[in-house]
Amino acid sequence: MKEVTNRAFLCATVLLLTGIFAGQTANAQLRRPAYITIKHEDRNKSNLLPERGAVYLDGLVAEEVNVRITKAGPAYANLTARTWLGNVLANQNGVLLAVSDKAYRVRAKAQQGQIAGWVSKSIVEGIPEGFEEKLVKFHERYEMVKQLIDDKQVALGMTTDEVVQSIGPPDAKSSQLDAAGRKDVFEFISYKRTPQEYVTYGPFGIPTIATRYVEVEDGRVTIEFTDNLVTAINETAGLNFNRGLPFNNVPPYFPLF
């Protein structure tokens, strides 16, 4: 009798451990939602306090904007000219860091070494005509898209890369290229784990009720792109990629240079 009891206890223990490891394996195979999170620069954590009304190129453009410093002039830490950093040297190359309606922020050489400060626009050359106006519009679109990505949302006018940054890679996609241009379709599917009860039998044939979880489709959204820009968003229940936002479209992307 003792031997039978020990054998039953051993069988029950094996079944229990098997169920635990099986459950861990099943959970490990769940891959949705397949969203990624993109961390963005937080200027509030920077030692540099941005000037009101100025547009900073750091994080906005991929490459440095080179300019020419034609004359020597004072450079300041802020637009109010309260803190003098030194005088930039004449006839040298510099890098444009920020733009305001009053001055340019540049990185250039001074007598005491390289500095970064606000200088008069009159001593800076090499900025393309209309660049400042274009930069302002580019920055406005950048801030709108950044809000969408931070909120994991999608809007008309976003690029394929911006959509992937916001909600992750699609579950399926297709492309078509013809005389009218290129069209892409991204499909996103969300799943939820739903419990299901089933009957299992113990080592002595005694039936018991157990629970397992299966993936069930919860929502689907299809995003259409024309020439790399979102032109249509078709959503079903369970997914909402434009909730609570004051806008549902952004200006189409345009190159700054």
Protein backbone atom coordinates (compact mmCIF):
# COMPACT_ATOMS: atom_id res chain seq x y z
CA MET A 1 0.00 0.00 0.00
CA LYS A 2 2.86 2.37 0.87
CA GLU A 3 4.55 1.58 -2.46
CA VAL A 4 1.33 2.43 -4.39
CA THR A 5 0.99 5.70 -2.51
CA ASN A 6 4.60 6.69 -3.25
CA ARG A 7 4.13 5.82 -6.92
CA ALA A 8 0.96 7.92 -7.13
CA PHE A 9 2.71 10.86 -5.44
CA LEU A 10 5.64 10.55 -7.89
CA CYS A 11 3.28 10.53 -10.91
CA ALA A 12 1.37 13.55 -9.65
CA THR A 13 4.63 15.42 -9.06
CA VAL A 14 5.86 14.66 -12.60
CA LEU A 15 2.55 15.81 -14.11
CA LEU A 16 2.62 19.00 -12.07
CA LEU A 17 6.19 19.87 -13.10
CA THR A 18 5.40 19.04 -16.73
CA GLY A 19 2.44 21.39 -16.66
CA ILE A 20 4.51 24.19 -15.13
CA PHE A 21 7.30 23.91 -17.70
CA ALA A 22 4.81 23.57 -20.53
CA GLY A 23 3.06 26.72 -19.38
CA GLN A 24 6.38 28.58 -19.23
CA THR A 25 7.23 27.44 -22.74
CA ALA A 26 3.86 28.54 -24.09
CA ASN A 27 4.20 31.94 -22.47
CA ALA A 28 7.70 32.33 -23.90
CA GLN A 29 6.35 31.76 -27.41
CA LEU A 30 3.86 34.63 -27.18
CA ARG A 31 5.29 37.45 -29.25
CA ARG A 32 2.48 39.98 -29.46
CA PRO A 33 1.97 42.83 -29.27
CA ALA A 34 4.99 43.19 -31.55
CA TYR A 35 5.48 46.87 -30.79
CA ILE A 36 8.80 48.57 -30.23
CA THR A 37 9.53 51.64 -28.16
CA ILE A 38 11.76 54.37 -29.51
CA LYS A 39 13.41 56.58 -26.91
CA HIS A 40 13.66 60.21 -27.86
CA GLU A 41 15.97 62.93 -26.70
CA ASP A 42 14.64 64.79 -23.68
CA ARG A 43 15.92 68.34 -23.74
CA ASN A 44 14.75 68.90 -20.18
CA LYS A 45 17.53 66.54 -19.07
CA SER A 46 20.18 68.44 -21.00
CA ASN A 47 22.53 70.92 -19.37
CA LEU A 48 21.61 73.30 -22.18
CA LEU A 49 18.35 75.14 -21.66
CA PRO A 50 16.79 75.81 -25.08
CA GLU A 51 16.01 79.42 -25.94
CA ARG A 52 12.35 80.25 -26.49
CA GLY A 53 11.52 80.52 -30.19
CA ALA A 54 14.79 78.95 -31.34
CA VAL A 55 15.00 75.83 -33.49
CA TYR A 56 17.82 73.43 -32.55
CA LEU A 57 19.25 71.20 -35.24
CA ASP A 58 20.48 68.51 -32.84
CA GLY A 59 18.25 65.45 -33.37
CA LEU A 60 16.39 67.25 -36.16
CA VAL A 61 18.87 66.73 -39.01
CA ALA A 62 21.05 63.71 -39.67
CA GLU A 63 24.12 65.62 -40.85
CA GLU A 64 25.87 68.75 -39.64
CA VAL A 65 25.14 72.03 -41.41
CA ASN A 66 28.44 73.70 -42.21
CA VAL A 67 28.67 77.48 -42.41
CA ARG A 68 31.38 80.10 -42.91
CA ILE A 69 32.33 82.64 -40.26
CA THR A 70 33.44 85.68 -42.29
CA LYS A 71 34.18 88.16 -39.49
CA ALA A 72 35.27 88.08 -35.88
CA GLY A 73 32.49 88.72 -33.40
CA PRO A 74 31.28 88.07 -29.86
CA ALA A 75 29.53 84.82 -28.94
CA TYR A 76 27.04 84.56 -26.10
CA ALA A 77 25.58 81.71 -24.08
CA ASN A 78 22.02 82.96 -24.58
CA LEU A 79 20.00 85.26 -26.79
CA THR A 80 19.86 87.98 -24.13
CA ALA A 81 23.65 88.39 -24.46
CA ARG A 82 24.12 88.28 -20.70
CA THR A 83 26.94 85.74 -20.70
CA TRP A 84 29.87 86.40 -23.04
CA LEU A 85 31.76 83.29 -24.12
CA GLY A 86 34.47 84.89 -26.23
CA ASN A 87 35.04 86.20 -29.75
CA VAL A 88 34.89 83.76 -32.67
CA LEU A 89 37.72 84.10 -35.15
CA ALA A 90 37.23 85.38 -38.68
CA ASN A 91 37.58 83.37 -41.91
CA GLN A 92 36.87 79.90 -40.54
CA ASN A 93 34.40 77.08 -41.02
CA GLY A 94 31.80 76.46 -38.34
CA VAL A 95 28.76 74.30 -37.65
CA LEU A 96 25.23 75.67 -37.37
CA LEU A 97 23.59 74.46 -34.15
CA ALA A 98 20.40 76.50 -33.84
CA VAL A 99 18.44 79.27 -35.53
CA SER A 100 16.38 82.13 -34.13
CA ASP A 101 15.01 85.31 -35.64
CA LYS A 102 17.78 87.27 -33.89
CA ALA A 103 20.96 85.18 -34.16
CA TYR A 104 22.59 81.90 -35.09
CA ARG A 105 24.03 79.44 -32.63
CA VAL A 106 27.29 78.06 -34.04
CA ARG A 107 30.20 75.90 -33.01
CA ALA A 108 33.46 77.57 -34.01
CA LYS A 109 36.94 78.51 -32.79
CA ALA A 110 37.67 81.43 -30.51
CA GLN A 111 40.93 82.62 -29.03
CA GLN A 112 40.47 80.37 -26.00
CA GLY A 113 39.48 77.32 -28.08
CA GLN A 114 36.34 75.89 -29.60
CA ILE A 115 33.06 77.30 -28.28
CA ALA A 116 29.34 77.01 -29.01
CA GLY A 117 27.34 80.20 -28.74
CA TRP A 118 24.97 82.70 -30.30
CA VAL A 119 26.50 85.11 -32.81
CA SER A 120 25.23 87.84 -35.10
CA LYS A 121 23.72 86.67 -38.37
CA SER A 122 25.78 89.27 -40.21
CA ILE A 123 29.02 87.32 -39.68
CA VAL A 124 27.68 83.96 -40.91
CA GLU A 125 27.47 82.88 -44.54
CA GLY A 126 26.71 79.66 -46.39
CA ILE A 127 23.08 79.22 -45.30
CA PRO A 128 20.86 78.48 -48.32
CA GLU A 129 18.18 81.00 -49.26
CA GLY A 130 14.85 80.21 -47.63
CA PHE A 131 16.49 77.70 -45.26
CA GLU A 132 15.18 79.33 -42.07
CA GLU A 133 11.54 79.34 -43.20
CA LYS A 134 11.84 75.75 -44.37
CA LEU A 135 13.49 74.76 -41.09
CA VAL A 136 10.60 76.16 -39.05
CA LYS A 137 8.06 74.08 -41.01
CA PHE A 138 10.33 71.03 -40.82
CA HIS A 139 10.56 71.45 -37.04
CA GLU A 140 6.78 71.82 -36.65
CA ARG A 141 6.23 68.55 -38.50
CA TYR A 142 8.98 66.88 -36.43
CA GLU A 143 7.23 67.82 -33.16
CA MET A 144 3.88 66.49 -34.42
CA VAL A 145 5.41 63.17 -35.50
CA LYS A 146 7.35 62.91 -32.23
CA GLN A 147 4.08 63.22 -30.28
CA LEU A 148 2.51 60.51 -32.43
CA ILE A 149 5.46 58.16 -31.88
CA ASP A 150 5.53 58.84 -28.13
CA ASP A 151 1.80 58.00 -27.97
CA LYS A 152 2.18 54.98 -30.31
CA GLN A 153 -0.24 56.49 -32.80
CA VAL A 154 -0.45 56.80 -36.59
CA ALA A 155 -1.66 59.67 -38.79
CA LEU A 156 -1.97 60.44 -42.48
CA GLY A 157 1.23 61.87 -43.93
CA MET A 158 3.64 59.77 -41.84
CA THR A 159 6.37 57.79 -43.61
CA THR A 160 6.79 54.02 -43.42
CA ASP A 161 9.82 54.42 -41.13
CA GLU A 162 7.87 56.72 -38.79
CA VAL A 163 4.99 54.22 -38.60
CA VAL A 164 7.37 51.38 -37.70
CA GLN A 165 8.99 53.59 -35.04
CA SER A 166 5.55 54.29 -33.59
CA ILE A 167 3.80 50.90 -33.54
CA GLY A 168 6.43 48.40 -34.61
CA PRO A 169 6.92 46.18 -37.67
CA PRO A 170 3.80 44.91 -39.46
CA ASP A 171 2.52 41.35 -39.24
CA ALA A 172 2.14 41.32 -43.03
CA LYS A 173 2.92 43.68 -45.87
CA SER A 174 2.61 43.89 -49.64
CA SER A 175 3.95 46.26 -52.30
CA GLN A 176 2.98 47.32 -55.79
CA LEU A 177 4.95 49.42 -58.26
CA ASP A 178 3.37 50.83 -61.42
CA ALA A 179 3.41 53.96 -63.56
CA ALA A 180 1.43 55.86 -60.91
CA GLY A 181 4.08 55.21 -58.26
CA ARG A 182 4.73 52.80 -55.40
CA LYS A 183 2.02 51.53 -53.07
CA ASP A 184 2.58 49.59 -49.86
CA VAL A 185 0.10 47.98 -47.48
CA PHE A 186 1.00 47.20 -43.85
CA GLU A 187 -1.28 44.96 -41.79
CA PHE A 188 -1.17 44.91 -38.00
CA ILE A 189 -2.99 42.32 -35.88
CA SER A 190 -3.48 42.37 -32.11
CA TYR A 191 -4.15 39.26 -30.06
CA LYS A 192 -5.47 38.58 -26.59
CA ARG A 193 -5.06 35.49 -24.42
CA THR A 194 -8.38 33.79 -23.79
CA PRO A 195 -8.80 31.05 -21.13
CA GLN A 196 -10.21 27.68 -22.20
CA GLU A 197 -11.23 24.90 -19.84
CA TYR A 198 -10.64 21.27 -20.69
CA VAL A 199 -10.84 17.88 -18.98
CA THR A 200 -7.67 16.10 -17.93
CA TYR A 201 -7.24 12.78 -16.19
CA GLY A 202 -5.04 11.97 -13.24
CA PRO A 203 -2.92 8.87 -12.74
CA PHE A 204 -5.96 6.92 -11.44
CA GLY A 205 -8.24 8.05 -14.26
CA ILE A 206 -9.95 10.72 -12.16
CA PRO A 207 -11.14 13.59 -14.39
CA THR A 208 -10.31 17.16 -13.39
CA ILE A 209 -10.93 20.54 -14.99
CA ALA A 210 -7.82 22.46 -16.14
CA THR A 211 -7.37 25.83 -17.85
CA ARG A 212 -5.17 26.75 -20.78
CA TYR A 213 -4.78 30.03 -22.66
CA VAL A 214 -4.98 30.44 -26.41
CA GLU A 215 -4.34 33.45 -28.64
CA VAL A 216 -7.43 34.95 -30.25
CA GLU A 217 -7.35 37.79 -32.76
CA ASP A 218 -8.56 40.94 -31.04
CA GLY A 219 -8.17 43.66 -33.69
CA ARG A 220 -6.74 44.46 -37.09
CA VAL A 221 -5.60 47.62 -38.88
CA THR A 222 -4.49 48.08 -42.47
CA ILE A 223 -2.32 51.08 -43.33
CA GLU A 224 -1.88 52.08 -46.97
CA PHE A 225 1.12 54.04 -48.24
CA THR A 226 1.53 55.89 -51.53
CA ASP A 227 5.10 56.83 -52.36
CA ASN A 228 6.15 56.13 -48.76
CA LEU A 229 3.44 58.31 -47.13
CA VAL A 230 0.33 57.10 -45.24
CA THR A 231 -2.76 57.75 -47.36
CA ALA A 232 -5.35 55.51 -45.64
CA ILE A 233 -5.90 53.86 -42.24
CA ASN A 234 -8.54 51.11 -41.95
CA GLU A 235 -9.18 49.96 -38.37
CA THR A 236 -11.36 47.34 -36.71
CA ALA A 237 -12.35 46.83 -33.09
CA GLY A 238 -9.49 46.30 -30.68
CA LEU A 239 -7.00 48.70 -32.27
CA ASN A 240 -7.10 52.47 -32.32
CA PHE A 241 -4.06 54.26 -33.67
CA ASN A 242 -5.44 57.79 -33.54
CA ARG A 243 -7.08 58.15 -30.14
CA GLY A 244 -7.33 61.39 -28.23
CA LEU A 245 -5.14 63.43 -30.56
CA PRO A 246 -5.98 66.96 -31.78
CA PHE A 247 -5.00 65.98 -35.34
CA ASN A 248 -5.29 62.93 -37.60
CA ASN A 249 -2.83 63.98 -40.26
CA VAL A 250 0.58 65.64 -40.50
CA PRO A 251 2.14 67.58 -43.36
CA PRO A 252 3.79 65.22 -45.86
CA TYR A 253 7.48 64.68 -45.27
CA PHE A 254 9.82 66.88 -47.28
CA PRO A 255 13.63 66.95 -47.39
CA LEU A 256 15.26 69.87 -45.60
CA PHE A 257 18.12 70.11 -48.10
